[in-house]
């Protein structure tokens, strides 16, 4: 049996108190709203189909001295303040196993670092990737780095680049780099 509340006694109803908005909270909401509006505006801009192109303001060539070059991964260099992707190279990400305890991504990056050690790097911009980063064919000490990474077995080649595809097939057949364990890498 339920106990009835006396009619003459006021009941307590619990409601959450809505706090008055703070200036900081309004600022966060305003910035978020403007970000959404800006994103929608950019999404509605016309896109051109076909091969990626280089923005007009981007330089066609990037050159850097050894102390101005950093290896991000086996397919990405930073020349001075510009990040450049090696065109046609898909390296393994750090943490990817090559069999055993070897980290393929780290080994691939170390191989590229050894190729450019103490050498100036020159890159010819060939386009941009889907994230807007410059794609380039880069050289150090007369060696084309794009094909050298693939030939050493530390990356997959773009299917649209036959020369790099041949280098990948040779690296696989000779069990170099990620292909050394004899199994097809899963990255």
N, C-alpha and C. Protein backbone atom coordinates (compact mmCIF):
# COMPACT_ATOMS: atom_id res chain seq x y z
N UNK A 1 0.85 -1.17 0.00
CA UNK A 1 0.00 0.00 0.00
C UNK A 1 0.89 1.22 0.00
N UNK A 2 0.54 2.19 -0.85
CA UNK A 2 1.34 3.40 -0.95
C UNK A 2 0.85 4.42 0.04
N UNK A 3 1.77 5.19 0.50
CA UNK A 3 1.44 6.21 1.48
C UNK A 3 1.03 7.48 0.74
N UNK A 4 -0.09 8.03 1.07
CA UNK A 4 -0.59 9.23 0.42
C UNK A 4 0.04 10.45 1.06
N UNK A 5 0.35 11.45 0.22
CA UNK A 5 0.87 12.71 0.73
C UNK A 5 -0.29 13.57 1.20
N UNK A 6 -0.12 14.25 2.30
CA UNK A 6 -1.19 15.14 2.76
C UNK A 6 -1.37 16.30 1.79
N UNK A 7 -2.59 16.65 1.54
CA UNK A 7 -2.91 17.69 0.55
C UNK A 7 -2.45 19.06 1.03
N UNK A 8 -2.47 19.32 2.25
CA UNK A 8 -2.12 20.65 2.76
C UNK A 8 -0.63 20.92 2.78
N UNK A 9 0.20 19.89 2.64
CA UNK A 9 1.64 20.06 2.73
C UNK A 9 2.21 20.23 1.32
N UNK A 10 3.05 21.27 1.10
CA UNK A 10 3.60 21.48 -0.24
C UNK A 10 4.55 20.33 -0.63
N UNK A 11 4.52 19.98 -1.91
CA UNK A 11 5.40 18.93 -2.40
C UNK A 11 6.69 19.56 -2.91
N UNK A 12 7.76 18.82 -2.84
CA UNK A 12 9.04 19.29 -3.35
C UNK A 12 9.27 18.67 -4.72
N UNK A 13 9.44 19.48 -5.70
CA UNK A 13 9.74 19.00 -7.04
C UNK A 13 11.19 19.40 -7.33
N UNK A 14 11.98 18.41 -7.71
CA UNK A 14 13.40 18.67 -7.95
C UNK A 14 13.60 19.01 -9.42
N UNK A 15 14.19 20.15 -9.64
CA UNK A 15 14.54 20.59 -10.99
C UNK A 15 16.00 21.00 -10.98
N UNK A 16 16.66 20.70 -12.09
CA UNK A 16 18.04 21.15 -12.18
C UNK A 16 18.01 22.64 -12.47
N UNK A 17 18.87 23.33 -11.84
CA UNK A 17 18.97 24.77 -12.06
C UNK A 17 19.79 24.99 -13.32
N UNK A 18 19.28 25.75 -14.24
CA UNK A 18 20.04 26.11 -15.43
C UNK A 18 20.89 27.31 -15.07
N UNK A 19 22.19 27.14 -15.23
CA UNK A 19 23.07 28.26 -14.90
C UNK A 19 23.04 29.27 -16.03
N UNK A 20 23.29 30.49 -15.65
CA UNK A 20 23.35 31.54 -16.67
C UNK A 20 24.60 31.31 -17.49
N UNK A 21 24.50 31.49 -18.82
CA UNK A 21 25.66 31.24 -19.66
C UNK A 21 26.80 32.21 -19.34
N UNK A 22 28.00 31.65 -19.32
CA UNK A 22 29.17 32.48 -19.06
C UNK A 22 29.71 33.03 -20.37
N UNK A 23 30.53 34.04 -20.28
CA UNK A 23 31.14 34.62 -21.47
C UNK A 23 32.00 33.57 -22.16
N UNK A 24 32.72 32.76 -21.38
CA UNK A 24 33.57 31.71 -21.95
C UNK A 24 32.72 30.69 -22.70
N UNK A 25 31.61 30.30 -22.11
CA UNK A 25 30.73 29.32 -22.76
C UNK A 25 30.14 29.86 -24.05
N UNK A 26 29.73 31.12 -24.04
CA UNK A 26 29.19 31.73 -25.26
C UNK A 26 30.26 31.83 -26.34
N UNK A 27 31.49 32.11 -25.92
CA UNK A 27 32.60 32.21 -26.89
C UNK A 27 32.84 30.85 -27.54
N UNK A 28 32.83 29.79 -26.76
CA UNK A 28 33.04 28.45 -27.30
C UNK A 28 31.94 28.10 -28.30
N UNK A 29 30.70 28.39 -27.95
CA UNK A 29 29.57 28.11 -28.85
C UNK A 29 29.69 28.93 -30.13
N UNK A 30 30.07 30.19 -30.02
CA UNK A 30 30.22 31.05 -31.18
C UNK A 30 31.33 30.56 -32.10
N UNK A 31 32.48 30.20 -31.54
CA UNK A 31 33.59 29.70 -32.35
C UNK A 31 33.21 28.39 -33.02
N UNK A 32 32.56 27.48 -32.31
CA UNK A 32 32.13 26.22 -32.90
C UNK A 32 31.15 26.46 -34.05
N UNK A 33 30.22 27.36 -33.86
CA UNK A 33 29.25 27.68 -34.91
C UNK A 33 29.92 28.26 -36.14
N UNK A 34 30.86 29.17 -35.94
CA UNK A 34 31.58 29.75 -37.07
C UNK A 34 32.42 28.70 -37.79
N UNK A 35 32.99 27.75 -37.05
CA UNK A 35 33.77 26.68 -37.66
C UNK A 35 32.89 25.81 -38.55
N UNK A 36 31.70 25.50 -38.08
CA UNK A 36 30.77 24.70 -38.88
C UNK A 36 30.37 25.46 -40.14
N UNK A 37 30.07 26.73 -40.00
CA UNK A 37 29.69 27.54 -41.17
C UNK A 37 30.84 27.60 -42.16
N UNK A 38 32.07 27.79 -41.67
CA UNK A 38 33.23 27.83 -42.55
C UNK A 38 33.46 26.51 -43.26
N UNK A 39 33.28 25.40 -42.55
CA UNK A 39 33.44 24.08 -43.17
C UNK A 39 32.41 23.84 -44.25
N UNK A 40 31.17 24.24 -44.00
CA UNK A 40 30.11 24.08 -45.01
C UNK A 40 30.42 24.94 -46.22
N UNK A 41 30.92 26.15 -45.99
CA UNK A 41 31.26 27.04 -47.10
C UNK A 41 32.36 26.43 -47.95
N UNK A 42 33.39 25.87 -47.32
CA UNK A 42 34.48 25.25 -48.08
C UNK A 42 34.00 24.02 -48.83
N UNK A 43 33.09 23.27 -48.24
CA UNK A 43 32.59 22.06 -48.88
C UNK A 43 31.77 22.37 -50.12
N UNK A 44 31.20 23.56 -50.19
CA UNK A 44 30.37 23.90 -51.34
C UNK A 44 31.16 24.54 -52.47
N UNK A 45 32.48 24.78 -52.26
CA UNK A 45 33.30 25.32 -53.34
C UNK A 45 33.41 24.30 -54.45
N UNK A 46 33.49 24.73 -55.71
CA UNK A 46 33.60 23.77 -56.81
C UNK A 46 34.95 23.05 -56.77
N UNK A 47 34.94 21.77 -57.06
CA UNK A 47 36.15 20.95 -57.12
C UNK A 47 36.39 20.57 -58.56
N UNK A 48 37.64 20.52 -58.94
CA UNK A 48 38.00 20.14 -60.31
C UNK A 48 38.34 18.66 -60.33
N UNK A 49 37.80 17.95 -61.31
CA UNK A 49 38.07 16.52 -61.45
C UNK A 49 39.41 16.35 -62.17
N UNK A 50 39.94 15.15 -62.08
CA UNK A 50 41.17 14.84 -62.79
C UNK A 50 42.35 14.78 -61.85
N UNK A 51 43.54 14.85 -62.45
CA UNK A 51 44.78 14.72 -61.70
C UNK A 51 44.96 15.89 -60.75
N UNK A 52 45.57 15.64 -59.58
CA UNK A 52 45.82 16.73 -58.65
C UNK A 52 46.77 17.75 -59.28
N UNK A 53 46.58 18.99 -58.92
CA UNK A 53 47.45 20.04 -59.44
C UNK A 53 48.11 20.78 -58.30
N UNK A 54 49.18 21.48 -58.62
CA UNK A 54 49.90 22.26 -57.63
C UNK A 54 49.26 23.64 -57.55
N UNK A 55 49.01 24.15 -56.35
CA UNK A 55 48.49 25.50 -56.24
C UNK A 55 49.46 26.48 -56.91
N UNK A 56 48.93 27.56 -57.47
CA UNK A 56 49.74 28.51 -58.22
C UNK A 56 50.87 29.10 -57.38
N UNK A 57 50.65 29.33 -56.09
CA UNK A 57 51.66 29.96 -55.26
C UNK A 57 52.76 29.00 -54.81
N UNK A 58 52.56 27.69 -54.98
CA UNK A 58 53.53 26.72 -54.51
C UNK A 58 54.76 26.71 -55.42
N UNK A 59 55.94 26.61 -54.85
CA UNK A 59 57.13 26.53 -55.68
C UNK A 59 57.20 25.20 -56.41
N UNK A 60 57.81 25.19 -57.57
CA UNK A 60 57.95 23.97 -58.36
C UNK A 60 59.09 23.10 -57.83
N UNK A 61 60.07 23.70 -57.22
CA UNK A 61 61.22 22.97 -56.68
C UNK A 61 61.45 23.39 -55.25
N UNK A 62 61.80 22.41 -54.43
CA UNK A 62 62.19 22.68 -53.04
C UNK A 62 63.58 22.09 -52.84
N UNK A 63 64.46 22.88 -52.29
CA UNK A 63 65.82 22.43 -52.01
C UNK A 63 66.11 22.72 -50.55
N UNK A 64 66.84 21.82 -49.92
CA UNK A 64 67.19 22.02 -48.52
C UNK A 64 68.54 21.40 -48.22
N UNK A 65 69.26 22.06 -47.35
CA UNK A 65 70.55 21.55 -46.88
C UNK A 65 70.29 20.46 -45.85
N UNK A 66 71.29 19.61 -45.58
CA UNK A 66 71.08 18.47 -44.67
C UNK A 66 70.49 18.84 -43.32
N UNK A 67 70.91 19.97 -42.75
CA UNK A 67 70.39 20.35 -41.43
C UNK A 67 68.97 20.91 -41.49
N UNK A 68 68.41 21.05 -42.71
CA UNK A 68 67.05 21.56 -42.89
C UNK A 68 66.08 20.46 -43.32
N UNK A 69 66.53 19.20 -43.29
CA UNK A 69 65.71 18.08 -43.76
C UNK A 69 65.44 17.14 -42.59
N UNK A 70 64.18 16.72 -42.47
CA UNK A 70 63.80 15.74 -41.45
C UNK A 70 62.94 14.67 -42.10
N UNK A 71 63.13 13.43 -41.67
CA UNK A 71 62.32 12.31 -42.15
C UNK A 71 61.14 12.16 -41.22
N UNK A 72 59.93 12.25 -41.77
CA UNK A 72 58.71 12.04 -40.98
C UNK A 72 58.39 10.55 -40.97
N UNK A 73 58.36 9.95 -42.16
CA UNK A 73 58.25 8.51 -42.32
C UNK A 73 58.90 8.18 -43.66
N UNK A 74 58.86 6.94 -44.12
CA UNK A 74 59.56 6.56 -45.34
C UNK A 74 58.94 7.14 -46.60
N UNK A 75 57.83 7.84 -46.48
CA UNK A 75 57.21 8.48 -47.63
C UNK A 75 57.01 9.97 -47.46
N UNK A 76 57.57 10.54 -46.38
CA UNK A 76 57.34 11.95 -46.09
C UNK A 76 58.61 12.61 -45.56
N UNK A 77 58.95 13.75 -46.16
CA UNK A 77 60.08 14.55 -45.71
C UNK A 77 59.58 15.93 -45.31
N UNK A 78 60.30 16.56 -44.42
CA UNK A 78 60.07 17.97 -44.13
C UNK A 78 61.32 18.71 -44.56
N UNK A 79 61.18 19.58 -45.54
CA UNK A 79 62.28 20.41 -46.03
C UNK A 79 62.03 21.81 -45.53
N UNK A 80 62.90 22.27 -44.65
CA UNK A 80 62.71 23.53 -43.94
C UNK A 80 61.36 23.48 -43.24
N UNK A 81 60.39 24.27 -43.65
CA UNK A 81 59.08 24.26 -42.99
C UNK A 81 58.00 23.64 -43.86
N UNK A 82 58.39 22.97 -44.94
CA UNK A 82 57.42 22.40 -45.89
C UNK A 82 57.42 20.87 -45.82
N UNK A 83 56.26 20.28 -45.57
CA UNK A 83 56.12 18.82 -45.59
C UNK A 83 55.86 18.39 -47.03
N UNK A 84 56.59 17.37 -47.47
CA UNK A 84 56.50 16.87 -48.84
C UNK A 84 56.33 15.36 -48.81
N UNK A 85 55.37 14.86 -49.57
CA UNK A 85 55.16 13.41 -49.71
C UNK A 85 55.92 12.92 -50.92
N UNK A 86 56.59 11.77 -50.81
CA UNK A 86 57.26 11.16 -51.95
C UNK A 86 56.18 10.56 -52.85
N UNK A 87 56.08 11.08 -54.05
CA UNK A 87 55.05 10.65 -55.00
C UNK A 87 55.20 9.17 -55.32
N UNK A 88 54.09 8.44 -55.20
CA UNK A 88 54.05 7.02 -55.56
C UNK A 88 54.51 6.07 -54.48
N UNK A 89 54.86 6.57 -53.30
CA UNK A 89 55.40 5.73 -52.22
C UNK A 89 54.37 5.61 -51.09
N UNK A 90 54.01 4.38 -50.76
CA UNK A 90 53.14 4.12 -49.61
C UNK A 90 53.95 3.33 -48.59
N UNK A 91 54.50 4.00 -47.58
CA UNK A 91 55.33 3.30 -46.60
C UNK A 91 54.48 2.63 -45.52
N UNK A 92 55.05 1.66 -44.82
CA UNK A 92 54.32 1.10 -43.67
C UNK A 92 54.30 2.13 -42.54
N UNK A 93 53.24 2.14 -41.77
CA UNK A 93 53.15 3.06 -40.63
C UNK A 93 53.96 2.52 -39.47
N UNK A 94 54.40 3.41 -38.62
CA UNK A 94 55.15 2.98 -37.43
C UNK A 94 54.26 2.05 -36.60
N UNK A 95 54.88 1.03 -36.07
CA UNK A 95 54.14 0.06 -35.27
C UNK A 95 53.70 -1.16 -36.06
N UNK A 96 53.85 -1.12 -37.39
CA UNK A 96 53.50 -2.27 -38.23
C UNK A 96 54.61 -3.31 -38.12
N UNK A 97 54.24 -4.54 -37.84
CA UNK A 97 55.23 -5.61 -37.69
C UNK A 97 55.63 -6.20 -39.04
N UNK A 98 56.91 -6.48 -39.17
CA UNK A 98 57.43 -7.13 -40.38
C UNK A 98 57.73 -8.59 -40.09
N UNK A 99 57.17 -9.14 -39.09
CA UNK A 99 57.53 -10.48 -38.66
C UNK A 99 58.50 -10.35 -37.50
N UNK A 100 58.28 -11.11 -36.48
CA UNK A 100 59.13 -10.98 -35.30
C UNK A 100 58.82 -9.68 -34.57
N UNK A 101 59.86 -9.08 -34.01
CA UNK A 101 59.68 -7.86 -33.23
C UNK A 101 60.03 -6.60 -34.01
N UNK A 102 60.36 -6.72 -35.29
CA UNK A 102 60.79 -5.56 -36.06
C UNK A 102 59.62 -4.65 -36.41
N UNK A 103 59.79 -3.35 -36.16
CA UNK A 103 58.81 -2.33 -36.50
C UNK A 103 59.12 -1.86 -37.92
N UNK A 104 58.26 -2.25 -38.88
CA UNK A 104 58.49 -1.91 -40.29
C UNK A 104 58.51 -0.42 -40.53
N UNK A 105 57.60 0.30 -39.91
CA UNK A 105 57.54 1.75 -40.13
C UNK A 105 58.81 2.44 -39.67
N UNK A 106 59.32 2.06 -38.51
CA UNK A 106 60.55 2.66 -38.00
C UNK A 106 61.74 2.26 -38.87
N UNK A 107 61.81 0.99 -39.27
CA UNK A 107 62.91 0.53 -40.12
C UNK A 107 62.90 1.25 -41.46
N UNK A 108 61.70 1.46 -42.02
CA UNK A 108 61.58 2.15 -43.30
C UNK A 108 62.04 3.60 -43.17
N UNK A 109 61.63 4.27 -42.10
CA UNK A 109 62.04 5.66 -41.88
C UNK A 109 63.54 5.76 -41.67
N UNK A 110 64.11 4.81 -40.94
CA UNK A 110 65.55 4.80 -40.73
C UNK A 110 66.31 4.59 -42.04
N UNK A 111 65.76 3.77 -42.93
CA UNK A 111 66.40 3.55 -44.23
C UNK A 111 66.42 4.85 -45.04
N UNK A 112 65.30 5.56 -45.09
CA UNK A 112 65.26 6.83 -45.81
C UNK A 112 66.21 7.84 -45.17
N UNK A 113 66.27 7.87 -43.84
CA UNK A 113 67.18 8.78 -43.15
C UNK A 113 68.64 8.49 -43.53
N UNK A 114 68.98 7.21 -43.65
CA UNK A 114 70.33 6.83 -44.06
C UNK A 114 70.62 7.27 -45.49
N UNK A 115 69.61 7.23 -46.35
CA UNK A 115 69.80 7.65 -47.75
C UNK A 115 70.09 9.13 -47.89
N UNK A 116 69.56 9.95 -46.98
CA UNK A 116 69.73 11.39 -47.10
C UNK A 116 70.75 11.96 -46.12
N UNK A 117 71.33 11.13 -45.29
CA UNK A 117 72.24 11.60 -44.26
C UNK A 117 73.33 12.48 -44.86
N UNK A 118 73.49 13.67 -44.30
CA UNK A 118 74.53 14.62 -44.69
C UNK A 118 74.48 15.02 -46.16
N UNK A 119 73.33 14.93 -46.79
CA UNK A 119 73.21 15.31 -48.20
C UNK A 119 72.10 16.33 -48.38
N UNK A 120 72.30 17.30 -49.25
CA UNK A 120 71.20 18.20 -49.59
C UNK A 120 70.13 17.42 -50.35
N UNK A 121 68.88 17.84 -50.20
CA UNK A 121 67.76 17.17 -50.86
C UNK A 121 67.09 18.19 -51.79
N UNK A 122 66.79 17.72 -53.01
CA UNK A 122 66.08 18.54 -53.98
C UNK A 122 64.82 17.80 -54.39
N UNK A 123 63.68 18.49 -54.33
CA UNK A 123 62.40 17.88 -54.67
C UNK A 123 61.72 18.68 -55.78
N UNK A 124 61.20 17.97 -56.75
CA UNK A 124 60.41 18.57 -57.83
C UNK A 124 58.95 18.26 -57.54
N UNK A 125 58.15 19.29 -57.31
CA UNK A 125 56.74 19.12 -56.98
C UNK A 125 55.99 18.65 -58.22
N UNK A 126 55.20 17.59 -58.07
CA UNK A 126 54.46 17.02 -59.20
C UNK A 126 52.95 17.14 -59.04
N UNK A 127 52.48 17.52 -57.87
CA UNK A 127 51.05 17.63 -57.61
C UNK A 127 50.80 17.75 -56.13
N UNK A 128 49.56 17.49 -55.71
CA UNK A 128 49.20 17.48 -54.30
C UNK A 128 48.39 16.22 -54.02
N UNK A 129 48.46 15.74 -52.77
CA UNK A 129 47.66 14.58 -52.40
C UNK A 129 46.26 15.02 -51.97
N UNK A 130 45.44 14.07 -51.53
CA UNK A 130 44.06 14.37 -51.16
C UNK A 130 43.94 15.29 -49.95
N UNK A 131 45.03 15.44 -49.18
CA UNK A 131 45.02 16.34 -48.03
C UNK A 131 45.67 17.69 -48.36
N UNK A 132 46.04 17.89 -49.63
CA UNK A 132 46.63 19.14 -50.04
C UNK A 132 48.12 19.25 -49.84
N UNK A 133 48.77 18.15 -49.42
CA UNK A 133 50.22 18.17 -49.23
C UNK A 133 50.91 17.99 -50.58
N UNK A 134 52.03 18.68 -50.78
CA UNK A 134 52.75 18.54 -52.06
C UNK A 134 53.26 17.12 -52.25
N UNK A 135 53.10 16.61 -53.47
CA UNK A 135 53.70 15.34 -53.89
C UNK A 135 54.94 15.70 -54.70
N UNK A 136 56.03 14.96 -54.50
CA UNK A 136 57.26 15.33 -55.16
C UNK A 136 58.10 14.11 -55.49
N UNK A 137 58.98 14.30 -56.45
CA UNK A 137 60.05 13.35 -56.75
C UNK A 137 61.30 14.01 -56.19
N UNK A 138 61.95 13.34 -55.24
CA UNK A 138 63.07 13.94 -54.52
C UNK A 138 64.37 13.19 -54.82
N UNK A 139 65.48 13.92 -54.75
CA UNK A 139 66.79 13.34 -54.98
C UNK A 139 67.75 13.78 -53.90
N UNK A 140 68.70 12.89 -53.60
CA UNK A 140 69.82 13.20 -52.70
C UNK A 140 71.03 12.47 -53.25
N UNK A 141 72.12 13.16 -53.40
CA UNK A 141 73.37 12.60 -53.92
C UNK A 141 73.16 11.84 -55.23
N UNK A 142 72.30 12.37 -56.11
CA UNK A 142 72.07 11.75 -57.41
C UNK A 142 71.14 10.55 -57.39
N UNK A 143 70.58 10.21 -56.25
CA UNK A 143 69.68 9.06 -56.13
C UNK A 143 68.25 9.55 -56.00
N UNK A 144 67.35 9.02 -56.83
CA UNK A 144 65.94 9.35 -56.69
C UNK A 144 65.41 8.59 -55.48
N UNK A 145 64.96 9.32 -54.49
CA UNK A 145 64.53 8.71 -53.22
C UNK A 145 63.26 7.90 -53.36
N UNK A 146 62.33 8.33 -54.21
CA UNK A 146 61.06 7.62 -54.37
C UNK A 146 61.32 6.17 -54.78
N UNK A 147 62.10 5.99 -55.86
CA UNK A 147 62.36 4.62 -56.33
C UNK A 147 63.30 3.88 -55.39
N UNK A 148 64.22 4.59 -54.73
CA UNK A 148 65.16 3.93 -53.82
C UNK A 148 64.43 3.32 -52.62
N UNK A 149 63.43 4.02 -52.08
CA UNK A 149 62.66 3.48 -50.95
C UNK A 149 61.92 2.21 -51.37
N UNK A 150 61.29 2.25 -52.55
CA UNK A 150 60.55 1.09 -53.06
C UNK A 150 61.52 -0.05 -53.36
N UNK A 151 62.63 0.25 -54.01
CA UNK A 151 63.61 -0.78 -54.38
C UNK A 151 64.23 -1.44 -53.15
N UNK A 152 64.36 -0.69 -52.07
CA UNK A 152 64.90 -1.25 -50.83
C UNK A 152 63.85 -2.10 -50.11
N UNK A 153 62.62 -2.08 -50.59
CA UNK A 153 61.57 -2.90 -50.00
C UNK A 153 60.82 -2.25 -48.86
N UNK A 154 60.92 -0.92 -48.72
CA UNK A 154 60.30 -0.25 -47.59
C UNK A 154 59.07 0.56 -47.96
N UNK A 155 58.36 0.12 -48.99
CA UNK A 155 57.12 0.78 -49.34
C UNK A 155 56.45 0.08 -50.50
N UNK A 156 55.16 0.34 -50.63
CA UNK A 156 54.40 -0.13 -51.79
C UNK A 156 54.39 0.97 -52.82
N UNK A 157 54.33 0.57 -54.08
CA UNK A 157 54.33 1.53 -55.18
C UNK A 157 52.91 1.84 -55.63
N UNK A 158 52.71 3.07 -56.05
CA UNK A 158 51.45 3.50 -56.64
C UNK A 158 51.22 2.69 -57.91
N UNK A 159 50.00 2.21 -58.08
CA UNK A 159 49.69 1.38 -59.25
C UNK A 159 49.74 2.16 -60.56
N UNK A 160 49.77 3.47 -60.49
CA UNK A 160 49.81 4.30 -61.69
C UNK A 160 51.25 4.63 -62.11
N UNK A 161 52.23 4.09 -61.41
CA UNK A 161 53.63 4.38 -61.73
C UNK A 161 54.37 3.08 -62.04
N UNK A 162 54.44 2.71 -63.32
CA UNK A 162 55.03 1.42 -63.72
C UNK A 162 56.47 1.23 -63.26
N UNK A 163 57.29 2.29 -63.28
CA UNK A 163 58.69 2.14 -62.86
C UNK A 163 58.77 1.72 -61.40
N UNK A 164 57.92 2.36 -60.58
CA UNK A 164 57.91 2.00 -59.15
C UNK A 164 57.32 0.61 -58.95
N UNK A 165 56.35 0.23 -59.75
CA UNK A 165 55.76 -1.12 -59.67
C UNK A 165 56.83 -2.17 -59.95
N UNK A 166 57.67 -1.94 -60.96
CA UNK A 166 58.76 -2.88 -61.28
C UNK A 166 59.73 -2.98 -60.10
N UNK A 167 60.07 -1.85 -59.51
CA UNK A 167 60.98 -1.85 -58.36
C UNK A 167 60.37 -2.62 -57.19
N UNK A 168 59.06 -2.49 -56.98
CA UNK A 168 58.41 -3.23 -55.89
C UNK A 168 58.43 -4.74 -56.16
N UNK A 169 58.14 -5.13 -57.40
CA UNK A 169 58.16 -6.57 -57.73
C UNK A 169 59.55 -7.16 -57.50
N UNK A 170 60.59 -6.42 -57.87
CA UNK A 170 61.96 -6.89 -57.65
C UNK A 170 62.26 -7.01 -56.16
N UNK A 171 61.87 -6.02 -55.38
CA UNK A 171 62.10 -6.05 -53.92
C UNK A 171 61.38 -7.23 -53.29
N UNK A 172 60.17 -7.50 -53.74
CA UNK A 172 59.42 -8.66 -53.23
C UNK A 172 60.13 -9.96 -53.59
N UNK A 173 60.54 -10.09 -54.86
CA UNK A 173 61.19 -11.32 -55.33
C UNK A 173 62.51 -11.55 -54.61
N UNK A 174 63.21 -10.49 -54.29
CA UNK A 174 64.51 -10.62 -53.62
C UNK A 174 64.40 -10.50 -52.09
N UNK A 175 63.19 -10.47 -51.58
CA UNK A 175 62.90 -10.45 -50.13
C UNK A 175 63.65 -9.33 -49.41
N UNK A 176 63.48 -8.12 -49.92
CA UNK A 176 64.09 -6.95 -49.29
C UNK A 176 63.07 -6.23 -48.41
N UNK A 177 63.57 -5.57 -47.37
CA UNK A 177 62.73 -4.73 -46.52
C UNK A 177 61.57 -5.47 -45.90
N UNK A 178 60.36 -4.96 -46.09
CA UNK A 178 59.18 -5.59 -45.49
C UNK A 178 58.93 -6.98 -46.07
N UNK A 179 59.49 -7.25 -47.23
CA UNK A 179 59.27 -8.53 -47.88
C UNK A 179 60.29 -9.59 -47.44
N UNK A 180 61.21 -9.24 -46.54
CA UNK A 180 62.27 -10.15 -46.10
C UNK A 180 61.74 -11.39 -45.39
N UNK A 181 60.62 -11.27 -44.72
CA UNK A 181 60.11 -12.41 -43.97
C UNK A 181 59.46 -13.45 -44.87
N UNK A 182 59.25 -13.11 -46.14
CA UNK A 182 58.69 -14.07 -47.07
C UNK A 182 57.16 -14.09 -47.10
N UNK A 183 56.51 -13.34 -46.24
CA UNK A 183 55.04 -13.30 -46.29
C UNK A 183 54.61 -11.93 -46.77
N UNK A 184 53.42 -11.87 -47.34
CA UNK A 184 52.89 -10.62 -47.85
C UNK A 184 52.52 -9.73 -46.67
N UNK A 185 53.06 -8.54 -46.66
CA UNK A 185 52.79 -7.62 -45.57
C UNK A 185 51.34 -7.18 -45.58
N UNK A 186 50.78 -6.96 -44.41
CA UNK A 186 49.35 -6.63 -44.30
C UNK A 186 49.07 -5.16 -44.14
N UNK A 187 50.09 -4.31 -44.18
CA UNK A 187 49.78 -2.90 -43.93
C UNK A 187 49.04 -2.31 -45.02
